[in-house]
Amino acid sequence: MIYLHNKNVRRITELLTSIKSKNQDLLNSNEELERYAYILSHDLKSPINNIVSFANLSKKRIKAGEFDDLDTFMSFVKSSGIKMNELANSVLDYAILNKTYGKKEAVNLNETLQETFRSK
């Protein structure tokens, strides 16, 4: 049988509490990451679908010898590519901010607004 001193019991309790807290933080972070991935996936599909659609239209028009709309189609392809690039940059920004500033916390916007208007 193992006997523990009160000091050891307290330390083990503190460690278990810390582990539980970190585990909950990890679960919350994973849920947030899943939501973000879902939103990002949805947002990326639109420009990808546009690029594929206008590439297919362009191919059909070229085969038919019709070149009038190609400039317009390429403009849509270009703007969709730019949108995808912006989304990729947003992902990078999010990752950097999350790593740099760490844990997020709730902010009372009413208090923030009141402080902002008081300072002017």
C-alpha atoms as a PDB file:
ATOM      1  CA  MET A   1       0.000   0.000   0.000  1.00  0.00           C
ATOM      2  CA  ILE A   2       1.263   3.483  -0.905  1.00  0.00           C
ATOM      3  CA  TYR A   3       0.827   6.336   1.503  1.00  0.00           C
ATOM      4  CA  LEU A   4       0.835   9.899   0.170  1.00  0.00           C
ATOM      5  CA  HIS A   5       1.493  13.043   2.113  1.00  0.00           C
ATOM      6  CA  ASN A   6      -0.981  15.905   1.879  1.00  0.00           C
ATOM      7  CA  LYS A   7       1.611  17.853  -0.101  1.00  0.00           C
ATOM      8  CA  ASN A   8       1.793  15.096  -2.720  1.00  0.00           C
ATOM      9  CA  VAL A   9      -1.983  14.744  -2.872  1.00  0.00           C
ATOM     10  CA  ARG A  10      -2.346  18.474  -3.477  1.00  0.00           C
ATOM     11  CA  ARG A  11       0.299  18.406  -6.215  1.00  0.00           C
ATOM     12  CA  ILE A  12      -1.378  15.455  -7.936  1.00  0.00           C
ATOM     13  CA  THR A  13      -4.736  17.233  -7.697  1.00  0.00           C
ATOM     14  CA  GLU A  14      -3.222  20.391  -9.200  1.00  0.00           C
ATOM     15  CA  LEU A  15      -1.684  18.393 -12.041  1.00  0.00           C
ATOM     16  CA  LEU A  16      -4.952  16.587 -12.759  1.00  0.00           C
ATOM     17  CA  THR A  17      -6.827  19.892 -12.781  1.00  0.00           C
ATOM     18  CA  SER A  18      -4.256  21.353 -15.152  1.00  0.00           C
ATOM     19  CA  ILE A  19      -4.485  18.314 -17.440  1.00  0.00           C
ATOM     20  CA  LYS A  20      -8.292  18.537 -17.496  1.00  0.00           C
ATOM     21  CA  SER A  21      -8.124  22.246 -18.315  1.00  0.00           C
ATOM     22  CA  LYS A  22      -5.599  21.749 -21.106  1.00  0.00           C
ATOM     23  CA  ASN A  23      -7.644  18.858 -22.465  1.00  0.00           C
ATOM     24  CA  GLN A  24     -10.750  21.074 -22.581  1.00  0.00           C
ATOM     25  CA  ASP A  25      -8.740  23.830 -24.293  1.00  0.00           C
ATOM     26  CA  LEU A  26      -7.571  21.288 -26.876  1.00  0.00           C
ATOM     27  CA  LEU A  27     -11.127  20.044 -27.463  1.00  0.00           C
ATOM     28  CA  ASN A  28     -12.337  23.636 -27.930  1.00  0.00           C
ATOM     29  CA  SER A  29      -9.466  24.387 -30.288  1.00  0.00           C
ATOM     30  CA  ASN A  30     -10.206  21.287 -32.351  1.00  0.00           C
ATOM     31  CA  GLU A  31     -13.885  22.239 -32.610  1.00  0.00           C
ATOM     32  CA  GLU A  32     -12.936  25.737 -33.741  1.00  0.00           C
ATOM     33  CA  LEU A  33     -10.508  24.306 -36.290  1.00  0.00           C
ATOM     34  CA  GLU A  34     -13.206  21.985 -37.648  1.00  0.00           C
ATOM     35  CA  ARG A  35     -15.629  24.912 -38.040  1.00  0.00           C
ATOM     36  CA  TYR A  36     -12.946  26.995 -39.737  1.00  0.00           C
ATOM     37  CA  ALA A  37     -12.024  24.142 -42.106  1.00  0.00           C
ATOM     38  CA  TYR A  38     -15.685  23.664 -43.026  1.00  0.00           C
ATOM     39  CA  ILE A  39     -16.152  27.371 -43.778  1.00  0.00           C
ATOM     40  CA  LEU A  40     -12.884  27.547 -45.706  1.00  0.00           C
ATOM     41  CA  SER A  41     -13.771  24.479 -47.754  1.00  0.00           C
ATOM     42  CA  HIS A  42     -17.132  26.001 -48.616  1.00  0.00           C
ATOM     43  CA  ASP A  43     -15.578  29.364 -49.525  1.00  0.00           C
ATOM     44  CA  LEU A  44     -12.911  27.758 -51.747  1.00  0.00           C
ATOM     45  CA  LYS A  45     -15.437  25.713 -53.713  1.00  0.00           C
ATOM     46  CA  SER A  46     -17.060  28.751 -55.286  1.00  0.00           C
ATOM     47  CA  PRO A  47     -13.969  30.144 -57.074  1.00  0.00           C
ATOM     48  CA  ILE A  48     -12.828  26.628 -57.987  1.00  0.00           C
ATOM     49  CA  ASN A  49     -16.227  25.869 -59.539  1.00  0.00           C
ATOM     50  CA  ASN A  50     -16.079  29.180 -61.433  1.00  0.00           C
ATOM     51  CA  ILE A  51     -12.628  28.403 -62.817  1.00  0.00           C
ATOM     52  CA  VAL A  52     -13.666  24.911 -63.935  1.00  0.00           C
ATOM     53  CA  SER A  53     -16.929  26.151 -65.470  1.00  0.00           C
ATOM     54  CA  PHE A  54     -15.342  28.999 -67.421  1.00  0.00           C
ATOM     55  CA  ALA A  55     -12.460  26.787 -68.548  1.00  0.00           C
ATOM     56  CA  ASN A  56     -15.014  24.292 -69.905  1.00  0.00           C
ATOM     57  CA  LEU A  57     -16.994  27.061 -71.613  1.00  0.00           C
ATOM     58  CA  SER A  58     -13.796  28.429 -73.131  1.00  0.00           C
ATOM     59  CA  LYS A  59     -12.826  25.006 -74.430  1.00  0.00           C
ATOM     60  CA  LYS A  60     -16.250  24.540 -76.059  1.00  0.00           C
ATOM     61  CA  ARG A  61     -16.135  27.997 -77.650  1.00  0.00           C
ATOM     62  CA  ILE A  62     -12.618  27.449 -78.983  1.00  0.00           C
ATOM     63  CA  LYS A  63     -13.654  24.118 -80.537  1.00  0.00           C
ATOM     64  CA  ALA A  64     -16.629  25.852 -82.141  1.00  0.00           C
ATOM     65  CA  GLY A  65     -14.402  28.662 -83.429  1.00  0.00           C
ATOM     66  CA  GLU A  66     -16.241  31.248 -81.323  1.00  0.00           C
ATOM     67  CA  PHE A  67     -13.834  33.607 -79.644  1.00  0.00           C
ATOM     68  CA  ASP A  68     -16.038  36.597 -78.758  1.00  0.00           C
ATOM     69  CA  ASP A  69     -16.676  35.658 -75.117  1.00  0.00           C
ATOM     70  CA  LEU A  70     -13.201  34.330 -74.270  1.00  0.00           C
ATOM     71  CA  ASP A  71     -11.984  37.648 -72.875  1.00  0.00           C
ATOM     72  CA  THR A  72     -14.984  37.782 -70.531  1.00  0.00           C
ATOM     73  CA  PHE A  73     -14.505  34.152 -69.516  1.00  0.00           C
ATOM     74  CA  MET A  74     -10.819  34.732 -68.754  1.00  0.00           C
ATOM     75  CA  SER A  75     -11.761  37.753 -66.615  1.00  0.00           C
ATOM     76  CA  PHE A  76     -13.985  35.485 -64.514  1.00  0.00           C
ATOM     77  CA  VAL A  77     -11.194  32.897 -64.259  1.00  0.00           C
ATOM     78  CA  LYS A  78      -8.736  35.601 -63.205  1.00  0.00           C
ATOM     79  CA  SER A  79     -11.062  37.092 -60.568  1.00  0.00           C
ATOM     80  CA  SER A  80     -11.756  33.608 -59.178  1.00  0.00           C
ATOM     81  CA  GLY A  81      -8.010  32.933 -58.978  1.00  0.00           C
ATOM     82  CA  ILE A  82      -7.528  36.237 -57.148  1.00  0.00           C
ATOM     83  CA  LYS A  83     -10.318  35.273 -54.728  1.00  0.00           C
ATOM     84  CA  MET A  84      -8.638  31.918 -54.037  1.00  0.00           C
ATOM     85  CA  ASN A  85      -5.340  33.714 -53.412  1.00  0.00           C
ATOM     86  CA  GLU A  86      -7.075  36.048 -50.935  1.00  0.00           C
ATOM     87  CA  LEU A  87      -8.582  33.054 -49.148  1.00  0.00           C
ATOM     88  CA  ALA A  88      -5.166  31.361 -48.960  1.00  0.00           C
ATOM     89  CA  ASN A  89      -3.665  34.558 -47.518  1.00  0.00           C
ATOM     90  CA  SER A  90      -6.503  34.729 -44.983  1.00  0.00           C
ATOM     91  CA  VAL A  91      -5.695  31.193 -43.842  1.00  0.00           C
ATOM     92  CA  LEU A  92      -2.054  32.156 -43.401  1.00  0.00           C
ATOM     93  CA  ASP A  93      -3.000  35.337 -41.528  1.00  0.00           C
ATOM     94  CA  TYR A  94      -5.310  33.347 -39.260  1.00  0.00           C
ATOM     95  CA  ALA A  95      -2.581  30.813 -38.519  1.00  0.00           C
ATOM     96  CA  ILE A  96      -0.036  33.528 -37.748  1.00  0.00           C
ATOM     97  CA  LEU A  97      -2.433  35.513 -35.540  1.00  0.00           C
ATOM     98  CA  ASN A  98      -3.522  32.397 -33.696  1.00  0.00           C
ATOM     99  CA  LYS A  99       0.086  31.383 -33.061  1.00  0.00           C
ATOM    100  CA  THR A 100       1.255  34.900 -32.186  1.00  0.00           C
ATOM    101  CA  TYR A 101      -1.552  35.933 -29.874  1.00  0.00           C
ATOM    102  CA  GLY A 102      -2.486  32.516 -28.553  1.00  0.00           C
ATOM    103  CA  LYS A 103      -5.630  31.937 -26.617  1.00  0.00           C
ATOM    104  CA  LYS A 104      -8.706  33.978 -27.421  1.00  0.00           C
ATOM    105  CA  GLU A 105     -10.902  35.460 -24.788  1.00  0.00           C
ATOM    106  CA  ALA A 106     -14.388  36.884 -24.721  1.00  0.00           C
ATOM    107  CA  VAL A 107     -14.663  40.646 -24.924  1.00  0.00           C
ATOM    108  CA  ASN A 108     -17.584  42.727 -23.747  1.00  0.00           C
ATOM    109  CA  LEU A 109     -18.215  44.935 -26.773  1.00  0.00           C
ATOM    110  CA  ASN A 110     -20.536  47.221 -24.838  1.00  0.00           C
ATOM    111  CA  GLU A 111     -17.725  48.104 -22.440  1.00  0.00           C
ATOM    112  CA  THR A 112     -15.273  48.513 -25.302  1.00  0.00           C
ATOM    113  CA  LEU A 113     -17.611  50.875 -27.149  1.00  0.00           C
ATOM    114  CA  GLN A 114     -18.305  52.876 -23.983  1.00  0.00           C
ATOM    115  CA  GLU A 115     -14.585  53.246 -23.329  1.00  0.00           C
ATOM    116  CA  THR A 116     -13.997  54.273 -26.936  1.00  0.00           C
ATOM    117  CA  PHE A 117     -16.648  56.985 -26.848  1.00  0.00           C
ATOM    118  CA  ARG A 118     -15.497  58.230 -23.420  1.00  0.00           C
ATOM    119  CA  SER A 119     -11.965  58.737 -24.687  1.00  0.00           C
ATOM    120  CA  LYS A 120     -13.055  60.985 -27.571  1.00  0.00           C
END
